[in-house]
C-alpha atoms as a PDB file:
ATOM      1  CA  UNK A   1      -5.250  67.645 458.038  1.00  0.00           C
ATOM      2  CA  UNK A   2      -1.850  67.941 459.776  1.00  0.00           C
ATOM      3  CA  UNK A   3       1.272  67.292 457.798  1.00  0.00           C
ATOM      4  CA  UNK A   4       4.128  65.792 459.930  1.00  0.00           C
ATOM      5  CA  UNK A   5       7.595  66.210 458.742  1.00  0.00           C
ATOM      6  CA  UNK A   6      10.542  64.966 460.924  1.00  0.00           C
ATOM      7  CA  UNK A   7      14.295  65.919 460.777  1.00  0.00           C
ATOM      8  CA  UNK A   8      16.438  62.770 461.158  1.00  0.00           C
ATOM      9  CA  UNK A   9      19.982  61.731 460.972  1.00  0.00           C
ATOM     10  CA  UNK A  10      23.412  62.278 462.727  1.00  0.00           C
ATOM     11  CA  UNK A  11      24.310  64.917 465.213  1.00  0.00           C
ATOM     12  CA  UNK A  12      25.426  68.360 464.257  1.00  0.00           C
ATOM     13  CA  UNK A  13      23.728  68.408 460.888  1.00  0.00           C
ATOM     14  CA  UNK A  14      21.522  71.492 461.563  1.00  0.00           C
ATOM     15  CA  UNK A  15      18.271  69.732 462.521  1.00  0.00           C
ATOM     16  CA  UNK A  16      17.698  72.090 465.541  1.00  0.00           C
ATOM     17  CA  UNK A  17      18.147  75.142 463.383  1.00  0.00           C
ATOM     18  CA  UNK A  18      16.311  74.086 460.353  1.00  0.00           C
ATOM     19  CA  UNK A  19      13.251  73.030 462.319  1.00  0.00           C
ATOM     20  CA  UNK A  20      12.011  76.500 463.442  1.00  0.00           C
ATOM     21  CA  UNK A  21      12.971  77.887 459.933  1.00  0.00           C
ATOM     22  CA  UNK A  22      10.961  75.379 458.275  1.00  0.00           C
ATOM     23  CA  UNK A  23       7.998  75.691 460.616  1.00  0.00           C
ATOM     24  CA  UNK A  24       7.962  79.426 460.104  1.00  0.00           C
ATOM     25  CA  UNK A  25       7.869  79.060 456.327  1.00  0.00           C
ATOM     26  CA  UNK A  26       5.248  76.367 456.304  1.00  0.00           C
ATOM     27  CA  UNK A  27       3.006  77.831 459.205  1.00  0.00           C
ATOM     28  CA  UNK A  28       3.609  75.073 461.607  1.00  0.00           C
ATOM     29  CA  UNK A  29       4.663  74.150 464.953  1.00  0.00           C
ATOM     30  CA  UNK A  30       8.023  72.646 466.031  1.00  0.00           C
ATOM     31  CA  UNK A  31       8.409  69.618 468.361  1.00  0.00           C
ATOM     32  CA  UNK A  32      11.768  70.236 469.885  1.00  0.00           C
ATOM     33  CA  UNK A  33      14.333  67.415 470.383  1.00  0.00           C
ATOM     34  CA  UNK A  34      13.434  65.677 473.552  1.00  0.00           C
ATOM     35  CA  UNK A  35      16.657  63.823 473.752  1.00  0.00           C
ATOM     36  CA  UNK A  36      18.530  66.906 474.001  1.00  0.00           C
ATOM     37  CA  UNK A  37      16.552  68.372 476.888  1.00  0.00           C
ATOM     38  CA  UNK A  38      16.831  65.109 478.524  1.00  0.00           C
ATOM     39  CA  UNK A  39      20.589  64.868 478.174  1.00  0.00           C
ATOM     40  CA  UNK A  40      21.014  68.573 479.353  1.00  0.00           C
ATOM     41  CA  UNK A  41      19.095  67.564 482.553  1.00  0.00           C
ATOM     42  CA  UNK A  42      20.515  64.057 483.062  1.00  0.00           C
ATOM     43  CA  UNK A  43      23.839  63.752 481.165  1.00  0.00           C
ATOM     44  CA  UNK A  44      24.850  61.699 478.243  1.00  0.00           C
ATOM     45  CA  UNK A  45      25.814  58.416 480.061  1.00  0.00           C
ATOM     46  CA  UNK A  46      22.567  56.730 478.710  1.00  0.00           C
ATOM     47  CA  UNK A  47      21.061  53.299 479.400  1.00  0.00           C
ATOM     48  CA  UNK A  48      18.228  51.490 478.002  1.00  0.00           C
ATOM     49  CA  UNK A  49      15.862  53.101 480.831  1.00  0.00           C
ATOM     50  CA  UNK A  50      17.154  56.555 479.710  1.00  0.00           C
ATOM     51  CA  UNK A  51      16.564  55.955 475.874  1.00  0.00           C
ATOM     52  CA  UNK A  52      12.857  54.612 476.998  1.00  0.00           C
ATOM     53  CA  UNK A  53      12.286  57.840 478.838  1.00  0.00           C
ATOM     54  CA  UNK A  54      13.346  59.882 475.751  1.00  0.00           C
ATOM     55  CA  UNK A  55      11.054  57.671 473.678  1.00  0.00           C
ATOM     56  CA  UNK A  56       8.036  58.328 475.909  1.00  0.00           C
ATOM     57  CA  UNK A  57       9.041  62.038 475.968  1.00  0.00           C
ATOM     58  CA  UNK A  58       9.018  62.296 472.016  1.00  0.00           C
ATOM     59  CA  UNK A  59       5.415  60.555 472.058  1.00  0.00           C
ATOM     60  CA  UNK A  60       3.972  62.968 474.719  1.00  0.00           C
ATOM     61  CA  UNK A  61       5.414  66.056 472.977  1.00  0.00           C
ATOM     62  CA  UNK A  62       3.950  64.868 469.683  1.00  0.00           C
ATOM     63  CA  UNK A  63       0.543  64.112 471.108  1.00  0.00           C
ATOM     64  CA  UNK A  64       0.483  67.697 472.651  1.00  0.00           C
ATOM     65  CA  UNK A  65       1.620  69.320 469.301  1.00  0.00           C
ATOM     66  CA  UNK A  66      -1.035  67.249 467.227  1.00  0.00           C
ATOM     67  CA  UNK A  67      -3.711  68.115 469.629  1.00  0.00           C
ATOM     68  CA  UNK A  68      -3.499  71.795 468.426  1.00  0.00           C
ATOM     69  CA  UNK A  69      -4.334  70.598 464.795  1.00  0.00           C
ATOM     70  CA  UNK A  70      -1.784  72.765 463.112  1.00  0.00           C
ATOM     71  CA  UNK A  71      -1.203  72.535 459.369  1.00  0.00           C
ATOM     72  CA  UNK A  72       2.207  71.352 459.833  1.00  0.00           C
ATOM     73  CA  UNK A  73       4.096  69.717 462.622  1.00  0.00           C
ATOM     74  CA  UNK A  74       8.040  69.657 462.321  1.00  0.00           C
ATOM     75  CA  UNK A  75       9.645  67.235 464.573  1.00  0.00           C
ATOM     76  CA  UNK A  76      13.324  67.764 465.585  1.00  0.00           C
ATOM     77  CA  UNK A  77      13.867  63.978 465.559  1.00  0.00           C
ATOM     78  CA  UNK A  78      11.482  61.445 466.841  1.00  0.00           C
ATOM     79  CA  UNK A  79      11.532  57.729 468.300  1.00  0.00           C
ATOM     80  CA  UNK A  80      13.351  56.483 465.248  1.00  0.00           C
ATOM     81  CA  UNK A  81      16.297  58.419 466.260  1.00  0.00           C
ATOM     82  CA  UNK A  82      16.170  57.094 469.587  1.00  0.00           C
ATOM     83  CA  UNK A  83      16.354  53.591 468.229  1.00  0.00           C
ATOM     84  CA  UNK A  84      19.440  54.718 466.366  1.00  0.00           C
ATOM     85  CA  UNK A  85      20.876  55.992 469.548  1.00  0.00           C
ATOM     86  CA  UNK A  86      20.187  52.608 471.092  1.00  0.00           C
ATOM     87  CA  UNK A  87      21.929  50.754 468.409  1.00  0.00           C
ATOM     88  CA  UNK A  88      24.962  53.203 468.692  1.00  0.00           C
ATOM     89  CA  UNK A  89      25.228  53.277 472.466  1.00  0.00           C
ATOM     90  CA  UNK A  90      23.897  49.732 473.455  1.00  0.00           C
ATOM     91  CA  UNK A  91      24.601  47.787 470.432  1.00  0.00           C
ATOM     92  CA  UNK A  92      20.989  46.643 470.215  1.00  0.00           C
ATOM     93  CA  UNK A  93      17.417  47.625 469.410  1.00  0.00           C
ATOM     94  CA  UNK A  94      14.802  48.375 471.844  1.00  0.00           C
ATOM     95  CA  UNK A  95      11.797  46.240 471.327  1.00  0.00           C
ATOM     96  CA  UNK A  96       9.374  48.808 472.516  1.00  0.00           C
ATOM     97  CA  UNK A  97      10.665  51.390 469.867  1.00  0.00           C
ATOM     98  CA  UNK A  98      10.404  48.676 467.194  1.00  0.00           C
ATOM     99  CA  UNK A  99       6.586  48.243 467.905  1.00  0.00           C
ATOM    100  CA  UNK A 100       6.102  52.094 467.727  1.00  0.00           C
ATOM    101  CA  UNK A 101       4.238  53.048 464.432  1.00  0.00           C
ATOM    102  CA  UNK A 102       3.199  56.603 464.710  1.00  0.00           C
ATOM    103  CA  UNK A 103       5.759  57.805 462.252  1.00  0.00           C
ATOM    104  CA  UNK A 104       5.889  61.091 460.480  1.00  0.00           C
ATOM    105  CA  UNK A 105       4.690  61.467 456.997  1.00  0.00           C
ATOM    106  CA  UNK A 106       8.018  62.426 455.537  1.00  0.00           C
ATOM    107  CA  UNK A 107      11.556  62.531 456.941  1.00  0.00           C
ATOM    108  CA  UNK A 108      14.228  65.073 455.878  1.00  0.00           C
ATOM    109  CA  UNK A 109      17.779  63.815 456.517  1.00  0.00           C
ATOM    110  CA  UNK A 110      20.294  66.847 456.664  1.00  0.00           C
ATOM    111  CA  UNK A 111      23.506  65.694 455.100  1.00  0.00           C
ATOM    112  CA  UNK A 112      26.941  65.693 456.703  1.00  0.00           C
ATOM    113  CA  UNK A 113      27.960  68.855 454.712  1.00  0.00           C
ATOM    114  CA  UNK A 114      28.133  70.990 458.072  1.00  0.00           C
ATOM    115  CA  UNK A 115      31.179  70.646 460.477  1.00  0.00           C
ATOM    116  CA  UNK A 116      30.557  69.028 463.758  1.00  0.00           C
ATOM    117  CA  UNK A 117      30.285  71.143 466.884  1.00  0.00           C
ATOM    118  CA  UNK A 118      30.522  70.112 470.318  1.00  0.00           C
ATOM    119  CA  UNK A 119      27.608  71.429 472.419  1.00  0.00           C
ATOM    120  CA  UNK A 120      27.842  69.090 475.580  1.00  0.00           C
ATOM    121  CA  UNK A 121      25.430  66.633 474.400  1.00  0.00           C
ATOM    122  CA  UNK A 122      26.897  65.204 471.342  1.00  0.00           C
ATOM    123  CA  UNK A 123      28.989  61.998 471.409  1.00  0.00           C
ATOM    124  CA  UNK A 124      29.903  61.045 467.832  1.00  0.00           C
ATOM    125  CA  UNK A 125      32.193  63.730 466.466  1.00  0.00           C
ATOM    126  CA  UNK A 126      34.778  61.967 464.330  1.00  0.00           C
ATOM    127  CA  UNK A 127      34.172  61.441 460.683  1.00  0.00           C
ATOM    128  CA  UNK A 128      33.986  57.737 460.936  1.00  0.00           C
ATOM    129  CA  UNK A 129      31.534  57.932 463.993  1.00  0.00           C
ATOM    130  CA  UNK A 130      29.363  60.542 462.300  1.00  0.00           C
ATOM    131  CA  UNK A 131      29.277  58.368 459.090  1.00  0.00           C
ATOM    132  CA  UNK A 132      28.357  55.249 461.086  1.00  0.00           C
ATOM    133  CA  UNK A 133      25.620  57.227 463.138  1.00  0.00           C
ATOM    134  CA  UNK A 134      24.129  58.488 459.683  1.00  0.00           C
ATOM    135  CA  UNK A 135      24.215  54.834 458.205  1.00  0.00           C
ATOM    136  CA  UNK A 136      22.298  53.625 461.351  1.00  0.00           C
ATOM    137  CA  UNK A 137      19.734  56.567 461.146  1.00  0.00           C
ATOM    138  CA  UNK A 138      19.068  55.861 457.489  1.00  0.00           C
ATOM    139  CA  UNK A 139      18.867  52.077 457.920  1.00  0.00           C
ATOM    140  CA  UNK A 140      15.984  52.916 460.508  1.00  0.00           C
ATOM    141  CA  UNK A 141      13.912  54.701 457.823  1.00  0.00           C
ATOM    142  CA  UNK A 142      14.722  52.065 455.035  1.00  0.00           C
ATOM    143  CA  UNK A 143      13.890  49.092 457.425  1.00  0.00           C
ATOM    144  CA  UNK A 144      10.416  50.605 457.696  1.00  0.00           C
ATOM    145  CA  UNK A 145      10.204  51.696 454.134  1.00  0.00           C
ATOM    146  CA  UNK A 146       9.527  55.357 455.067  1.00  0.00           C
ATOM    147  CA  UNK A 147       9.675  58.183 452.612  1.00  0.00           C
ATOM    148  CA  UNK A 148      12.824  60.525 453.124  1.00  0.00           C
ATOM    149  CA  UNK A 149      15.111  62.796 451.228  1.00  0.00           C
ATOM    150  CA  UNK A 150      18.359  64.332 451.637  1.00  0.00           C
ATOM    151  CA  UNK A 151      18.670  68.020 452.575  1.00  0.00           C
ATOM    152  CA  UNK A 152      21.810  69.912 451.723  1.00  0.00           C
ATOM    153  CA  UNK A 153      23.527  73.366 451.804  1.00  0.00           C
ATOM    154  CA  UNK A 154      23.918  75.774 454.536  1.00  0.00           C
ATOM    155  CA  UNK A 155      21.507  78.599 455.883  1.00  0.00           C
ATOM    156  CA  UNK A 156      18.994  79.573 453.377  1.00  0.00           C
ATOM    157  CA  UNK A 157      20.220  76.951 450.944  1.00  0.00           C
ATOM    158  CA  UNK A 158      19.418  74.199 453.492  1.00  0.00           C
ATOM    159  CA  UNK A 159      16.060  75.553 453.956  1.00  0.00           C
ATOM    160  CA  UNK A 160      15.346  75.687 450.309  1.00  0.00           C
ATOM    161  CA  UNK A 161      16.403  72.235 449.873  1.00  0.00           C
ATOM    162  CA  UNK A 162      13.957  70.946 452.564  1.00  0.00           C
ATOM    163  CA  UNK A 163      11.164  73.016 451.002  1.00  0.00           C
ATOM    164  CA  UNK A 164      11.956  71.658 447.596  1.00  0.00           C
ATOM    165  CA  UNK A 165      11.985  67.954 448.921  1.00  0.00           C
ATOM    166  CA  UNK A 166       8.766  68.360 450.608  1.00  0.00           C
ATOM    167  CA  UNK A 167       7.298  69.845 447.323  1.00  0.00           C
ATOM    168  CA  UNK A 168       8.877  67.079 445.364  1.00  0.00           C
ATOM    169  CA  UNK A 169       7.064  64.614 447.690  1.00  0.00           C
ATOM    170  CA  UNK A 170       3.837  66.259 446.987  1.00  0.00           C
ATOM    171  CA  UNK A 171       3.269  67.438 450.576  1.00  0.00           C
ATOM    172  CA  UNK A 172       2.892  71.074 449.949  1.00  0.00           C
ATOM    173  CA  UNK A 173      -0.526  70.655 448.127  1.00  0.00           C
END
């Protein structure tokens, strides 16, 4: 049985660095952040059509990873983060994402304890915008009553925090 962990939360919290480290420790595969690749190719002036393309890209990448039947899949975000982007950018939810139900087993939310870094695809760098984005992201998890835990620290401490949260949730058994 494949266990599916998703990294979820505001920009520049170390999700993309944590995902491969977590997969290496657990013996799993990583599903890269599809939204990043999309924005690198198409820019960050996103509308509903772009967000739905990102949504479908997440789904396709997840199906490919799960078809390999690995013990663990680590997603560097998923469609729930795309919905958070819709709320932040468009001021509204996208109904197609609201009906999506193939959620991860557990969500890890890296805290805002790392400095924000510009990388050409990030939009919400002020302290207020980061906090608002994090609040919207967590609200998506809570709205669906999904299990999640904070991940804190830098480098190895962040990895150990993630592994401890997975163990506390009983997913490492």
